[in-house]
Amino acid sequence: MEKAEGVALDASLPPAKLLNTTRSPATCSLREWAKDLGHDEAHKLLSEILDQEKATNNKLTNLAVTHVSRTFYRAKAA
């Protein structure tokens, strides 16, 4: 498989973002079904997945905000 570059890479980003935004609701639904059906182990594992996704999202958001802030202040100082 070839590595995506340029326009091909840019075109792949929106579907990747869509996958990321639809995964959590699907996982959340599966977690609740597992709970309702009495599948405690599945409920626990899906809860852990959601916690990991939330932590990752928070870290990525913080990185993005920090980067934007640094870029803004560097441009303002120049």
PDB file of N, CA and C in Angstrom:
ATOM      1  N   MET A   1       0.837  -1.175   0.000  1.00  0.00           N
ATOM      2  CA  MET A   1       0.000   0.000   0.000  1.00  0.00           C
ATOM      3  C   MET A   1       0.883   1.238   0.000  1.00  0.00           C
ATOM      4  N   GLU A   2       0.551   2.209  -0.852  1.00  0.00           N
ATOM      5  CA  GLU A   2       1.337   3.428  -0.936  1.00  0.00           C
ATOM      6  C   GLU A   2       0.931   4.410   0.147  1.00  0.00           C
ATOM      7  N   LYS A   3       1.884   5.244   0.533  1.00  0.00           N
ATOM      8  CA  LYS A   3       1.636   6.264   1.542  1.00  0.00           C
ATOM      9  C   LYS A   3       0.954   7.461   0.887  1.00  0.00           C
ATOM     10  N   ALA A   4      -0.109   7.970   1.513  1.00  0.00           N
ATOM     11  CA  ALA A   4      -0.832   9.116   0.967  1.00  0.00           C
ATOM     12  C   ALA A   4      -0.012  10.386   1.164  1.00  0.00           C
ATOM     13  N   GLU A   5      -0.021  11.235   0.147  1.00  0.00           N
ATOM     14  CA  GLU A   5       0.680  12.510   0.216  1.00  0.00           C
ATOM     15  C   GLU A   5      -0.178  13.584  -0.433  1.00  0.00           C
ATOM     16  N   GLY A   6       0.103  14.836  -0.112  1.00  0.00           N
ATOM     17  CA  GLY A   6      -0.535  15.973  -0.756  1.00  0.00           C
ATOM     18  C   GLY A   6      -2.051  15.938  -0.696  1.00  0.00           C
ATOM     19  N   VAL A   7      -2.667  16.058  -1.873  1.00  0.00           N
ATOM     20  CA  VAL A   7      -4.122  16.110  -1.975  1.00  0.00           C
ATOM     21  C   VAL A   7      -4.755  14.825  -1.477  1.00  0.00           C
ATOM     22  N   ALA A   8      -4.127  13.688  -1.756  1.00  0.00           N
ATOM     23  CA  ALA A   8      -4.676  12.406  -1.298  1.00  0.00           C
ATOM     24  C   ALA A   8      -4.729  12.353   0.217  1.00  0.00           C
ATOM     25  N   LEU A   9      -3.695  12.860   0.862  1.00  0.00           N
ATOM     26  CA  LEU A   9      -3.681  12.884   2.320  1.00  0.00           C
ATOM     27  C   LEU A   9      -4.761  13.826   2.837  1.00  0.00           C
ATOM     28  N   ASP A  10      -4.880  15.018   2.240  1.00  0.00           N
ATOM     29  CA  ASP A  10      -5.905  15.979   2.650  1.00  0.00           C
ATOM     30  C   ASP A  10      -7.302  15.384   2.488  1.00  0.00           C
ATOM     31  N   ALA A  11      -7.524  14.637   1.422  1.00  0.00           N
ATOM     32  CA  ALA A  11      -8.834  14.038   1.160  1.00  0.00           C
ATOM     33  C   ALA A  11      -9.170  12.953   2.166  1.00  0.00           C
ATOM     34  N   SER A  12      -8.148  12.352   2.765  1.00  0.00           N
ATOM     35  CA  SER A  12      -8.406  11.272   3.715  1.00  0.00           C
ATOM     36  C   SER A  12      -8.772  11.792   5.098  1.00  0.00           C
ATOM     37  N   LEU A  13      -8.493  13.038   5.394  1.00  0.00           N
ATOM     38  CA  LEU A  13      -8.740  13.566   6.736  1.00  0.00           C
ATOM     39  C   LEU A  13     -10.220  13.678   7.094  1.00  0.00           C
ATOM     40  N   PRO A  14     -11.108  14.219   6.240  1.00  0.00           N
ATOM     41  CA  PRO A  14     -12.524  14.279   6.640  1.00  0.00           C
ATOM     42  C   PRO A  14     -13.147  12.920   6.958  1.00  0.00           C
ATOM     43  N   PRO A  15     -12.919  11.863   6.151  1.00  0.00           N
ATOM     44  CA  PRO A  15     -13.474  10.558   6.547  1.00  0.00           C
ATOM     45  C   PRO A  15     -12.904  10.066   7.866  1.00  0.00           C
ATOM     46  N   ALA A  16     -11.633  10.336   8.123  1.00  0.00           N
ATOM     47  CA  ALA A  16     -11.028   9.916   9.388  1.00  0.00           C
ATOM     48  C   ALA A  16     -11.681  10.648  10.552  1.00  0.00           C
ATOM     49  N   LYS A  17     -11.956  11.949  10.372  1.00  0.00           N
ATOM     50  CA  LYS A  17     -12.629  12.702  11.426  1.00  0.00           C
ATOM     51  C   LYS A  17     -14.043  12.179  11.640  1.00  0.00           C
ATOM     52  N   LEU A  18     -14.730  11.828  10.554  1.00  0.00           N
ATOM     53  CA  LEU A  18     -16.082  11.282  10.665  1.00  0.00           C
ATOM     54  C   LEU A  18     -16.052   9.967  11.424  1.00  0.00           C
ATOM     55  N   LEU A  19     -15.092   9.119  11.116  1.00  0.00           N
ATOM     56  CA  LEU A  19     -14.971   7.845  11.818  1.00  0.00           C
ATOM     57  C   LEU A  19     -14.785   8.091  13.306  1.00  0.00           C
ATOM     58  N   ASN A  20     -13.940   9.055  13.644  1.00  0.00           N
ATOM     59  CA  ASN A  20     -13.687   9.357  15.049  1.00  0.00           C
ATOM     60  C   ASN A  20     -14.938   9.873  15.745  1.00  0.00           C
ATOM     61  N   THR A  21     -15.749  10.696  15.074  1.00  0.00           N
ATOM     62  CA  THR A  21     -16.930  11.257  15.721  1.00  0.00           C
ATOM     63  C   THR A  21     -18.073  10.259  15.805  1.00  0.00           C
ATOM     64  N   THR A  22     -18.090   9.253  14.941  1.00  0.00           N
ATOM     65  CA  THR A  22     -19.175   8.276  15.000  1.00  0.00           C
ATOM     66  C   THR A  22     -18.830   7.086  15.884  1.00  0.00           C
ATOM     67  N   ARG A  23     -17.567   6.888  16.167  1.00  0.00           N
ATOM     68  CA  ARG A  23     -17.158   5.732  16.959  1.00  0.00           C
ATOM     69  C   ARG A  23     -17.656   5.840  18.390  1.00  0.00           C
ATOM     70  N   SER A  24     -17.502   6.983  19.034  1.00  0.00           N
ATOM     71  CA  SER A  24     -17.914   7.121  20.429  1.00  0.00           C
ATOM     72  C   SER A  24     -19.406   6.884  20.635  1.00  0.00           C
ATOM     73  N   PRO A  25     -20.288   7.483  19.819  1.00  0.00           N
ATOM     74  CA  PRO A  25     -21.715   7.182  20.011  1.00  0.00           C
ATOM     75  C   PRO A  25     -22.040   5.709  19.810  1.00  0.00           C
ATOM     76  N   ALA A  26     -21.395   5.069  18.844  1.00  0.00           N
ATOM     77  CA  ALA A  26     -21.638   3.639  18.620  1.00  0.00           C
ATOM     78  C   ALA A  26     -21.150   2.829  19.816  1.00  0.00           C
ATOM     79  N   THR A  27     -19.973   3.170  20.318  1.00  0.00           N
ATOM     80  CA  THR A  27     -19.435   2.466  21.484  1.00  0.00           C
ATOM     81  C   THR A  27     -20.322   2.700  22.692  1.00  0.00           C
ATOM     82  N   CYS A  28     -20.819   3.904  22.835  1.00  0.00           N
ATOM     83  CA  CYS A  28     -21.707   4.236  23.954  1.00  0.00           C
ATOM     84  C   CYS A  28     -22.984   3.403  23.874  1.00  0.00           C
ATOM     85  N   SER A  29     -23.548   3.283  22.687  1.00  0.00           N
ATOM     86  CA  SER A  29     -24.759   2.471  22.511  1.00  0.00           C
ATOM     87  C   SER A  29     -24.495   1.009  22.833  1.00  0.00           C
ATOM     88  N   LEU A  30     -23.375   0.492  22.336  1.00  0.00           N
ATOM     89  CA  LEU A  30     -23.026  -0.900  22.625  1.00  0.00           C
ATOM     90  C   LEU A  30     -22.840  -1.111  24.123  1.00  0.00           C
ATOM     91  N   ARG A  31     -22.227  -0.132  24.778  1.00  0.00           N
ATOM     92  CA  ARG A  31     -22.019  -0.245  26.224  1.00  0.00           C
ATOM     93  C   ARG A  31     -23.350  -0.340  26.951  1.00  0.00           C
ATOM     94  N   GLU A  32     -24.311   0.496  26.561  1.00  0.00           N
ATOM     95  CA  GLU A  32     -25.615   0.483  27.230  1.00  0.00           C
ATOM     96  C   GLU A  32     -26.385  -0.797  26.931  1.00  0.00           C
ATOM     97  N   TRP A  33     -26.265  -1.311  25.707  1.00  0.00           N
ATOM     98  CA  TRP A  33     -26.907  -2.587  25.392  1.00  0.00           C
ATOM     99  C   TRP A  33     -26.314  -3.690  26.243  1.00  0.00           C
ATOM    100  N   ALA A  34     -24.987  -3.681  26.377  1.00  0.00           N
ATOM    101  CA  ALA A  34     -24.328  -4.700  27.194  1.00  0.00           C
ATOM    102  C   ALA A  34     -24.829  -4.641  28.634  1.00  0.00           C
ATOM    103  N   LYS A  35     -24.994  -3.430  29.137  1.00  0.00           N
ATOM    104  CA  LYS A  35     -25.493  -3.254  30.508  1.00  0.00           C
ATOM    105  C   LYS A  35     -26.920  -3.796  30.619  1.00  0.00           C
ATOM    106  N   ASP A  36     -27.761  -3.413  29.683  1.00  0.00           N
ATOM    107  CA  ASP A  36     -29.166  -3.843  29.701  1.00  0.00           C
ATOM    108  C   ASP A  36     -29.306  -5.361  29.591  1.00  0.00           C
ATOM    109  N   LEU A  37     -28.388  -5.985  28.847  1.00  0.00           N
ATOM    110  CA  LEU A  37     -28.448  -7.430  28.642  1.00  0.00           C
ATOM    111  C   LEU A  37     -27.692  -8.220  29.723  1.00  0.00           C
ATOM    112  N   GLY A  38     -27.116  -7.485  30.680  1.00  0.00           N
ATOM    113  CA  GLY A  38     -26.422  -8.149  31.775  1.00  0.00           C
ATOM    114  C   GLY A  38     -25.028  -8.651  31.438  1.00  0.00           C
ATOM    115  N   HIS A  39     -24.425  -8.124  30.397  1.00  0.00           N
ATOM    116  CA  HIS A  39     -23.060  -8.505  30.019  1.00  0.00           C
ATOM    117  C   HIS A  39     -22.084  -7.562  30.722  1.00  0.00           C
ATOM    118  N   ASP A  40     -21.827  -7.846  31.987  1.00  0.00           N
ATOM    119  CA  ASP A  40     -21.032  -6.952  32.820  1.00  0.00           C
ATOM    120  C   ASP A  40     -19.603  -6.751  32.308  1.00  0.00           C
ATOM    121  N   GLU A  41     -18.975  -7.825  31.857  1.00  0.00           N
ATOM    122  CA  GLU A  41     -17.588  -7.720  31.371  1.00  0.00           C
ATOM    123  C   GLU A  41     -17.524  -6.834  30.122  1.00  0.00           C
ATOM    124  N   ALA A  42     -18.460  -7.027  29.187  1.00  0.00           N
ATOM    125  CA  ALA A  42     -18.498  -6.202  27.978  1.00  0.00           C
ATOM    126  C   ALA A  42     -18.770  -4.749  28.350  1.00  0.00           C
ATOM    127  N   HIS A  43     -19.670  -4.519  29.292  1.00  0.00           N
ATOM    128  CA  HIS A  43     -19.977  -3.162  29.747  1.00  0.00           C
ATOM    129  C   HIS A  43     -18.722  -2.505  30.328  1.00  0.00           C
ATOM    130  N   LYS A  44     -17.979  -3.257  31.136  1.00  0.00           N
ATOM    131  CA  LYS A  44     -16.757  -2.736  31.748  1.00  0.00           C
ATOM    132  C   LYS A  44     -15.722  -2.382  30.681  1.00  0.00           C
ATOM    133  N   LEU A  45     -15.506  -3.287  29.729  1.00  0.00           N
ATOM    134  CA  LEU A  45     -14.517  -3.047  28.677  1.00  0.00           C
ATOM    135  C   LEU A  45     -14.898  -1.866  27.793  1.00  0.00           C
ATOM    136  N   LEU A  46     -16.164  -1.771  27.426  1.00  0.00           N
ATOM    137  CA  LEU A  46     -16.611  -0.648  26.594  1.00  0.00           C
ATOM    138  C   LEU A  46     -16.514   0.666  27.363  1.00  0.00           C
ATOM    139  N   SER A  47     -16.756   0.634  28.666  1.00  0.00           N
ATOM    140  CA  SER A  47     -16.586   1.835  29.492  1.00  0.00           C
ATOM    141  C   SER A  47     -15.131   2.278  29.505  1.00  0.00           C
ATOM    142  N   GLU A  48     -14.218   1.307  29.606  1.00  0.00           N
ATOM    143  CA  GLU A  48     -12.792   1.620  29.578  1.00  0.00           C
ATOM    144  C   GLU A  48     -12.388   2.241  28.242  1.00  0.00           C
ATOM    145  N   ILE A  49     -12.934   1.707  27.159  1.00  0.00           N
ATOM    146  CA  ILE A  49     -12.650   2.257  25.827  1.00  0.00           C
ATOM    147  C   ILE A  49     -13.120   3.703  25.752  1.00  0.00           C
ATOM    148  N   LEU A  50     -14.323   3.967  26.214  1.00  0.00           N
ATOM    149  CA  LEU A  50     -14.844   5.330  26.186  1.00  0.00           C
ATOM    150  C   LEU A  50     -14.011   6.264  27.047  1.00  0.00           C
ATOM    151  N   ASP A  51     -13.557   5.792  28.202  1.00  0.00           N
ATOM    152  CA  ASP A  51     -12.691   6.612  29.059  1.00  0.00           C
ATOM    153  C   ASP A  51     -11.375   6.930  28.364  1.00  0.00           C
ATOM    154  N   GLN A  52     -10.812   5.939  27.667  1.00  0.00           N
ATOM    155  CA  GLN A  52      -9.565   6.157  26.933  1.00  0.00           C
ATOM    156  C   GLN A  52      -9.769   7.156  25.794  1.00  0.00           C
ATOM    157  N   GLU A  53     -10.891   7.035  25.092  1.00  0.00           N
ATOM    158  CA  GLU A  53     -11.180   7.966  23.998  1.00  0.00           C
ATOM    159  C   GLU A  53     -11.348   9.382  24.537  1.00  0.00           C
ATOM    160  N   LYS A  54     -12.009   9.525  25.663  1.00  0.00           N
ATOM    161  CA  LYS A  54     -12.203  10.842  26.258  1.00  0.00           C
ATOM    162  C   LYS A  54     -10.863  11.447  26.670  1.00  0.00           C
ATOM    163  N   ALA A  55     -10.009  10.639  27.297  1.00  0.00           N
ATOM    164  CA  ALA A  55      -8.690  11.121  27.713  1.00  0.00           C
ATOM    165  C   ALA A  55      -7.853  11.536  26.498  1.00  0.00           C
ATOM    166  N   THR A  56      -7.898  10.731  25.448  1.00  0.00           N
ATOM    167  CA  THR A  56      -7.160  11.053  24.227  1.00  0.00           C
ATOM    168  C   THR A  56      -7.679  12.336  23.606  1.00  0.00           C
ATOM    169  N   ASN A  57      -8.991  12.480  23.553  1.00  0.00           N
ATOM    170  CA  ASN A  57      -9.584  13.687  22.997  1.00  0.00           C
ATOM    171  C   ASN A  57      -9.158  14.918  23.791  1.00  0.00           C
ATOM    172  N   ASN A  58      -9.154  14.814  25.109  1.00  0.00           N
ATOM    173  CA  ASN A  58      -8.738  15.943  25.949  1.00  0.00           C
ATOM    174  C   ASN A  58      -7.281  16.311  25.700  1.00  0.00           C
ATOM    175  N   LYS A  59      -6.417  15.312  25.588  1.00  0.00           N
ATOM    176  CA  LYS A  59      -4.993  15.573  25.333  1.00  0.00           C
ATOM    177  C   LYS A  59      -4.795  16.233  23.977  1.00  0.00           C
ATOM    178  N   LEU A  60      -5.479  15.723  22.957  1.00  0.00           N
ATOM    179  CA  LEU A  60      -5.343  16.302  21.617  1.00  0.00           C
ATOM    180  C   LEU A  60      -5.888  17.724  21.567  1.00  0.00           C
ATOM    181  N   THR A  61      -6.991  17.968  22.259  1.00  0.00           N
ATOM    182  CA  THR A  61      -7.549  19.316  22.311  1.00  0.00           C
ATOM    183  C   THR A  61      -6.577  20.267  22.990  1.00  0.00           C
ATOM    184  N   ASN A  62      -5.991  19.842  24.101  1.00  0.00           N
ATOM    185  CA  ASN A  62      -5.020  20.678  24.797  1.00  0.00           C
ATOM    186  C   ASN A  62      -3.806  20.977  23.931  1.00  0.00           C
ATOM    187  N   LEU A  63      -3.327  19.966  23.208  1.00  0.00           N
ATOM    188  CA  LEU A  63      -2.200  20.189  22.295  1.00  0.00           C
ATOM    189  C   LEU A  63      -2.556  21.206  21.213  1.00  0.00           C
ATOM    190  N   ALA A  64      -3.740  21.070  20.642  1.00  0.00           N
ATOM    191  CA  ALA A  64      -4.171  21.983  19.583  1.00  0.00           C
ATOM    192  C   ALA A  64      -4.302  23.405  20.109  1.00  0.00           C
ATOM    193  N   VAL A  65      -4.918  23.559  21.275  1.00  0.00           N
ATOM    194  CA  VAL A  65      -5.095  24.896  21.853  1.00  0.00           C
ATOM    195  C   VAL A  65      -3.738  25.520  22.169  1.00  0.00           C
ATOM    196  N   THR A  66      -2.836  24.733  22.728  1.00  0.00           N
ATOM    197  CA  THR A  66      -1.496  25.230  23.043  1.00  0.00           C
ATOM    198  C   THR A  66      -0.774  25.663  21.779  1.00  0.00           C
ATOM    199  N   HIS A  67      -0.869  24.857  20.726  1.00  0.00           N
ATOM    200  CA  HIS A  67      -0.207  25.186  19.462  1.00  0.00           C
ATOM    201  C   HIS A  67      -0.782  26.468  18.866  1.00  0.00           C
ATOM    202  N   VAL A  68      -2.091  26.587  18.855  1.00  0.00           N
ATOM    203  CA  VAL A  68      -2.737  27.780  18.301  1.00  0.00           C
ATOM    204  C   VAL A  68      -2.338  29.009  19.106  1.00  0.00           C
ATOM    205  N   SER A  69      -2.317  28.883  20.430  1.00  0.00           N
ATOM    206  CA  SER A  69      -1.934  30.010  21.280  1.00  0.00           C
ATOM    207  C   SER A  69      -0.496  30.433  21.008  1.00  0.00           C
ATOM    208  N   ARG A  70       0.418  29.477  20.943  1.00  0.00           N
ATOM    209  CA  ARG A  70       1.819  29.795  20.666  1.00  0.00           C
ATOM    210  C   ARG A  70       1.964  30.458  19.309  1.00  0.00           C
ATOM    211  N   THR A  71       1.282  29.910  18.309  1.00  0.00           N
ATOM    212  CA  THR A  71       1.355  30.477  16.961  1.00  0.00           C
ATOM    213  C   THR A  71       0.821  31.897  16.947  1.00  0.00           C
ATOM    214  N   PHE A  72      -0.287  32.141  17.638  1.00  0.00           N
ATOM    215  CA  PHE A  72      -0.891  33.467  17.704  1.00  0.00           C
ATOM    216  C   PHE A  72       0.073  34.466  18.353  1.00  0.00           C
ATOM    217  N   TYR A  73       0.632  34.109  19.493  1.00  0.00           N
ATOM    218  CA  TYR A  73       1.521  35.034  20.195  1.00  0.00           C
ATOM    219  C   TYR A  73       2.821  35.268  19.463  1.00  0.00           C
ATOM    220  N   ARG A  74       3.328  34.261  18.764  1.00  0.00           N
ATOM    221  CA  ARG A  74       4.544  34.450  17.943  1.00  0.00           C
ATOM    222  C   ARG A  74       4.241  35.410  16.798  1.00  0.00           C
ATOM    223  N   ALA A  75       3.087  35.242  16.162  1.00  0.00           N
ATOM    224  CA  ALA A  75       2.730  36.126  15.044  1.00  0.00           C
ATOM    225  C   ALA A  75       2.482  37.549  15.545  1.00  0.00           C
ATOM    226  N   LYS A  76       1.899  37.671  16.712  1.00  0.00           N
ATOM    227  CA  LYS A  76       1.613  38.984  17.282  1.00  0.00           C
ATOM    228  C   LYS A  76       2.912  39.701  17.655  1.00  0.00           C
ATOM    229  N   ALA A  77       3.896  38.949  18.160  1.00  0.00           N
ATOM    230  CA  ALA A  77       5.161  39.521  18.584  1.00  0.00           C
ATOM    231  C   ALA A  77       6.029  39.953  17.396  1.00  0.00           C
ATOM    232  N   ALA A  78       5.808  39.320  16.247  1.00  0.00           N
ATOM    233  CA  ALA A  78       6.645  39.605  15.071  1.00  0.00           C
ATOM    234  C   ALA A  78       6.297  40.901  14.394  1.00  0.00           C
TER     235      ALA A  78
END
